Amino acid sequence: MTPVFRPAVLADVPGVVALLADDDIGGARETAPLEDYLAAFARMDERCQLIVGEADGQLVACYDLIILDGLNARGQRRAQLEGVRVAAHLRGQGFGRRLMEDAMARARTKGAQFMEMMSNAARHNTHAFYERLGFTRSHLGFKRKL
């Protein structure tokens, strides 16, 4: 089973929400009505793209690729990755590596010089996976509700 990655369409949103909620952390966070997720999808533009992975006709992975421009880091364009998920029953089978390779290729195509992401501090296995792919722990993240 090899995943095929493509830009999401509106009909994918319920499946993506299910992937995002498919663990203890996401299950506690992703509790909004479907209409909220559909509205968020409608607001996405060319700088933020939701990508889904399909295998055997099933939605099995997703990620948000956000392209950012700014003056910091010598004005280099960067890619931010969020909402990275692989279906629980497929983890450890290479889907995550394929997902990350797809994300990095798309980011390069958009002119990004580097990729950054945040990950919940409790996702220890995920952090080890990112480090195996060559990502380094470089920053400490902060959040605040507005």
C-alpha atoms as a PDB file:
ATOM      1  CA  MET A   1       0.000   0.000   0.000  1.00  0.00           C
ATOM      2  CA  THR A   2       1.631   3.229  -1.202  1.00  0.00           C
ATOM      3  CA  PRO A   3       0.057   6.590  -0.383  1.00  0.00           C
ATOM      4  CA  VAL A   4      -0.633   9.188  -3.041  1.00  0.00           C
ATOM      5  CA  PHE A   5      -0.498  12.777  -1.785  1.00  0.00           C
ATOM      6  CA  ARG A   6      -2.703  15.492  -3.258  1.00  0.00           C
ATOM      7  CA  PRO A   7      -4.298  18.811  -2.313  1.00  0.00           C
ATOM      8  CA  ALA A   8      -7.422  18.300  -0.223  1.00  0.00           C
ATOM      9  CA  VAL A   9     -10.908  19.091  -1.439  1.00  0.00           C
ATOM     10  CA  LEU A  10     -13.904  20.075   0.649  1.00  0.00           C
ATOM     11  CA  ALA A  11     -15.157  16.471   0.806  1.00  0.00           C
ATOM     12  CA  ASP A  12     -11.894  15.465   2.560  1.00  0.00           C
ATOM     13  CA  VAL A  13     -12.458  17.719   5.566  1.00  0.00           C
ATOM     14  CA  PRO A  14     -14.420  15.218   7.730  1.00  0.00           C
ATOM     15  CA  GLY A  15     -11.751  12.568   7.159  1.00  0.00           C
ATOM     16  CA  VAL A  16      -8.970  15.008   8.020  1.00  0.00           C
ATOM     17  CA  VAL A  17     -10.745  15.989  11.237  1.00  0.00           C
ATOM     18  CA  ALA A  18     -11.007  12.300  12.118  1.00  0.00           C
ATOM     19  CA  LEU A  19      -7.243  11.892  11.562  1.00  0.00           C
ATOM     20  CA  LEU A  20      -6.492  14.964  13.680  1.00  0.00           C
ATOM     21  CA  ALA A  21      -8.629  13.584  16.522  1.00  0.00           C
ATOM     22  CA  ASP A  22      -7.186  10.054  16.368  1.00  0.00           C
ATOM     23  CA  ASP A  23      -5.111  10.166  19.576  1.00  0.00           C
ATOM     24  CA  ASP A  24      -5.394  11.407  23.158  1.00  0.00           C
ATOM     25  CA  ILE A  25      -4.070  14.895  22.427  1.00  0.00           C
ATOM     26  CA  GLY A  26      -6.045  15.486  19.238  1.00  0.00           C
ATOM     27  CA  GLY A  27      -9.147  13.812  20.629  1.00  0.00           C
ATOM     28  CA  ALA A  28      -9.259  16.315  23.457  1.00  0.00           C
ATOM     29  CA  ARG A  29      -8.616  19.281  21.145  1.00  0.00           C
ATOM     30  CA  GLU A  30     -10.530  18.578  17.932  1.00  0.00           C
ATOM     31  CA  THR A  31     -14.058  18.834  19.283  1.00  0.00           C
ATOM     32  CA  ALA A  32     -15.513  21.730  17.272  1.00  0.00           C
ATOM     33  CA  PRO A  33     -18.570  21.249  15.068  1.00  0.00           C
ATOM     34  CA  LEU A  34     -17.759  20.190  11.492  1.00  0.00           C
ATOM     35  CA  GLU A  35     -18.983  23.586  10.268  1.00  0.00           C
ATOM     36  CA  ASP A  36     -16.010  25.257  11.999  1.00  0.00           C
ATOM     37  CA  TYR A  37     -13.556  23.057  10.125  1.00  0.00           C
ATOM     38  CA  LEU A  38     -15.363  23.621   6.827  1.00  0.00           C
ATOM     39  CA  ALA A  39     -15.192  27.394   7.399  1.00  0.00           C
ATOM     40  CA  ALA A  40     -11.461  27.153   8.179  1.00  0.00           C
ATOM     41  CA  PHE A  41     -10.898  25.168   4.980  1.00  0.00           C
ATOM     42  CA  ALA A  42     -12.748  27.859   2.997  1.00  0.00           C
ATOM     43  CA  ARG A  43     -10.409  30.545   4.419  1.00  0.00           C
ATOM     44  CA  MET A  44      -7.237  28.763   3.311  1.00  0.00           C
ATOM     45  CA  ASP A  45      -5.396  30.443   0.442  1.00  0.00           C
ATOM     46  CA  GLU A  46      -2.397  29.642  -1.759  1.00  0.00           C
ATOM     47  CA  ARG A  47       0.014  30.168   1.153  1.00  0.00           C
ATOM     48  CA  CYS A  48      -1.648  27.456   3.266  1.00  0.00           C
ATOM     49  CA  GLN A  49      -2.410  24.173   1.604  1.00  0.00           C
ATOM     50  CA  LEU A  50      -3.992  21.108   3.169  1.00  0.00           C
ATOM     51  CA  ILE A  51      -2.492  17.966   1.673  1.00  0.00           C
ATOM     52  CA  VAL A  52      -4.002  14.517   2.133  1.00  0.00           C
ATOM     53  CA  GLY A  53      -2.579  11.057   1.563  1.00  0.00           C
ATOM     54  CA  GLU A  54      -4.740   8.300   0.120  1.00  0.00           C
ATOM     55  CA  ALA A  55      -4.038   4.588  -0.060  1.00  0.00           C
ATOM     56  CA  ASP A  56      -6.417   1.988  -1.437  1.00  0.00           C
ATOM     57  CA  GLY A  57      -9.156   4.619  -1.666  1.00  0.00           C
ATOM     58  CA  GLN A  58      -8.863   5.576   2.023  1.00  0.00           C
ATOM     59  CA  LEU A  59      -7.706   8.847   3.541  1.00  0.00           C
ATOM     60  CA  VAL A  60      -4.666   7.822   5.604  1.00  0.00           C
ATOM     61  CA  ALA A  61      -2.573  10.967   6.188  1.00  0.00           C
ATOM     62  CA  CYS A  62      -2.672  14.745   6.148  1.00  0.00           C
ATOM     63  CA  TYR A  63      -0.649  17.882   6.755  1.00  0.00           C
ATOM     64  CA  ASP A  64      -0.907  21.658   6.385  1.00  0.00           C
ATOM     65  CA  LEU A  65       1.906  23.270   4.411  1.00  0.00           C
ATOM     66  CA  ILE A  66       2.173  26.986   5.128  1.00  0.00           C
ATOM     67  CA  ILE A  67       4.594  29.179   3.190  1.00  0.00           C
ATOM     68  CA  LEU A  68       5.896  32.190   5.108  1.00  0.00           C
ATOM     69  CA  ASP A  69       7.845  35.224   3.998  1.00  0.00           C
ATOM     70  CA  GLY A  70       9.536  37.590   6.406  1.00  0.00           C
ATOM     71  CA  LEU A  71      12.700  39.536   6.997  1.00  0.00           C
ATOM     72  CA  ASN A  72      14.103  37.292   9.710  1.00  0.00           C
ATOM     73  CA  ALA A  73      16.519  34.514   8.768  1.00  0.00           C
ATOM     74  CA  ARG A  74      18.035  36.706   6.041  1.00  0.00           C
ATOM     75  CA  GLY A  75      14.645  37.094   4.377  1.00  0.00           C
ATOM     76  CA  GLN A  76      14.522  33.446   3.366  1.00  0.00           C
ATOM     77  CA  ARG A  77      11.157  31.948   2.528  1.00  0.00           C
ATOM     78  CA  ARG A  78      10.292  29.166   4.937  1.00  0.00           C
ATOM     79  CA  ALA A  79       7.745  26.401   5.141  1.00  0.00           C
ATOM     80  CA  GLN A  80       5.810  25.660   8.292  1.00  0.00           C
ATOM     81  CA  LEU A  81       4.280  22.244   8.741  1.00  0.00           C
ATOM     82  CA  GLU A  82       1.238  21.692  10.951  1.00  0.00           C
ATOM     83  CA  GLY A  83      -1.421  19.062  11.521  1.00  0.00           C
ATOM     84  CA  VAL A  84       0.847  16.184  10.505  1.00  0.00           C
ATOM     85  CA  ARG A  85      -1.001  12.891  10.931  1.00  0.00           C
ATOM     86  CA  VAL A  86      -0.826   9.315   9.725  1.00  0.00           C
ATOM     87  CA  ALA A  87      -3.666   6.905  10.505  1.00  0.00           C
ATOM     88  CA  ALA A  88      -2.837   5.064  13.726  1.00  0.00           C
ATOM     89  CA  HIS A  89      -2.999   1.595  12.167  1.00  0.00           C
ATOM     90  CA  LEU A  90      -0.396   2.578   9.549  1.00  0.00           C
ATOM     91  CA  ARG A  91       2.228   4.184  11.764  1.00  0.00           C
ATOM     92  CA  GLY A  92       5.644   2.565  11.657  1.00  0.00           C
ATOM     93  CA  GLN A  93       5.198   1.397   8.049  1.00  0.00           C
ATOM     94  CA  GLY A  94       6.935   4.239   6.199  1.00  0.00           C
ATOM     95  CA  PHE A  95       3.888   6.436   5.597  1.00  0.00           C
ATOM     96  CA  GLY A  96       5.264   9.215   7.804  1.00  0.00           C
ATOM     97  CA  ARG A  97       8.564   9.257   5.937  1.00  0.00           C
ATOM     98  CA  ARG A  98       6.735   9.444   2.600  1.00  0.00           C
ATOM     99  CA  LEU A  99       4.520  12.224   3.968  1.00  0.00           C
ATOM    100  CA  MET A 100       7.532  14.254   5.107  1.00  0.00           C
ATOM    101  CA  GLU A 101       9.338  13.710   1.789  1.00  0.00           C
ATOM    102  CA  ASP A 102       6.238  14.948  -0.024  1.00  0.00           C
ATOM    103  CA  ALA A 103       5.988  18.008   2.237  1.00  0.00           C
ATOM    104  CA  MET A 104       9.663  18.898   1.762  1.00  0.00           C
ATOM    105  CA  ALA A 105       9.395  18.522  -2.020  1.00  0.00           C
ATOM    106  CA  ARG A 106       6.327  20.774  -2.142  1.00  0.00           C
ATOM    107  CA  ALA A 107       8.067  23.335   0.072  1.00  0.00           C
ATOM    108  CA  ARG A 108      11.142  23.365  -2.172  1.00  0.00           C
ATOM    109  CA  THR A 109       8.906  23.855  -5.215  1.00  0.00           C
ATOM    110  CA  LYS A 110       7.457  26.946  -3.525  1.00  0.00           C
ATOM    111  CA  GLY A 111      10.940  28.345  -2.913  1.00  0.00           C
ATOM    112  CA  ALA A 112      11.249  27.573   0.798  1.00  0.00           C
ATOM    113  CA  GLN A 113      14.807  27.452   2.108  1.00  0.00           C
ATOM    114  CA  PHE A 114      13.961  25.592   5.306  1.00  0.00           C
ATOM    115  CA  MET A 115      11.070  23.903   7.063  1.00  0.00           C
ATOM    116  CA  GLU A 116       9.961  24.404  10.638  1.00  0.00           C
ATOM    117  CA  MET A 117       7.246  22.908  12.788  1.00  0.00           C
ATOM    118  CA  MET A 118       5.962  22.733  16.314  1.00  0.00           C
ATOM    119  CA  SER A 119       5.030  19.517  18.031  1.00  0.00           C
ATOM    120  CA  ASN A 120       3.254  18.901  21.293  1.00  0.00           C
ATOM    121  CA  ALA A 121       5.836  18.300  24.022  1.00  0.00           C
ATOM    122  CA  ALA A 122       4.146  14.995  24.934  1.00  0.00           C
ATOM    123  CA  ARG A 123       4.712  13.430  21.483  1.00  0.00           C
ATOM    124  CA  HIS A 124       8.089  11.843  22.303  1.00  0.00           C
ATOM    125  CA  ASN A 125       7.944   9.147  19.598  1.00  0.00           C
ATOM    126  CA  THR A 126       7.088  11.782  17.010  1.00  0.00           C
ATOM    127  CA  HIS A 127      10.069  13.892  18.042  1.00  0.00           C
ATOM    128  CA  ALA A 128      12.424  10.944  17.620  1.00  0.00           C
ATOM    129  CA  PHE A 129      10.925  10.335  14.162  1.00  0.00           C
ATOM    130  CA  TYR A 130      11.575  13.953  13.101  1.00  0.00           C
ATOM    131  CA  GLU A 131      15.140  13.747  14.379  1.00  0.00           C
ATOM    132  CA  ARG A 132      15.727  10.577  12.327  1.00  0.00           C
ATOM    133  CA  LEU A 133      14.679  12.618   9.287  1.00  0.00           C
ATOM    134  CA  GLY A 134      17.327  15.249  10.032  1.00  0.00           C
ATOM    135  CA  PHE A 135      15.239  17.838  11.878  1.00  0.00           C
ATOM    136  CA  THR A 136      16.844  19.381  14.958  1.00  0.00           C
ATOM    137  CA  ARG A 137      15.294  20.698  18.153  1.00  0.00           C
ATOM    138  CA  SER A 138      16.155  24.329  17.739  1.00  0.00           C
ATOM    139  CA  HIS A 139      13.516  26.448  19.458  1.00  0.00           C
ATOM    140  CA  LEU A 140      11.198  26.519  22.403  1.00  0.00           C
ATOM    141  CA  GLY A 141       7.600  27.271  21.413  1.00  0.00           C
ATOM    142  CA  PHE A 142       5.013  29.340  23.223  1.00  0.00           C
ATOM    143  CA  LYS A 143       1.242  29.710  22.801  1.00  0.00           C
ATOM    144  CA  ARG A 144      -1.380  32.032  24.198  1.00  0.00           C
ATOM    145  CA  LYS A 145      -5.077  32.262  23.514  1.00  0.00           C
ATOM    146  CA  LEU A 146      -6.193  35.631  22.231  1.00  0.00           C
END
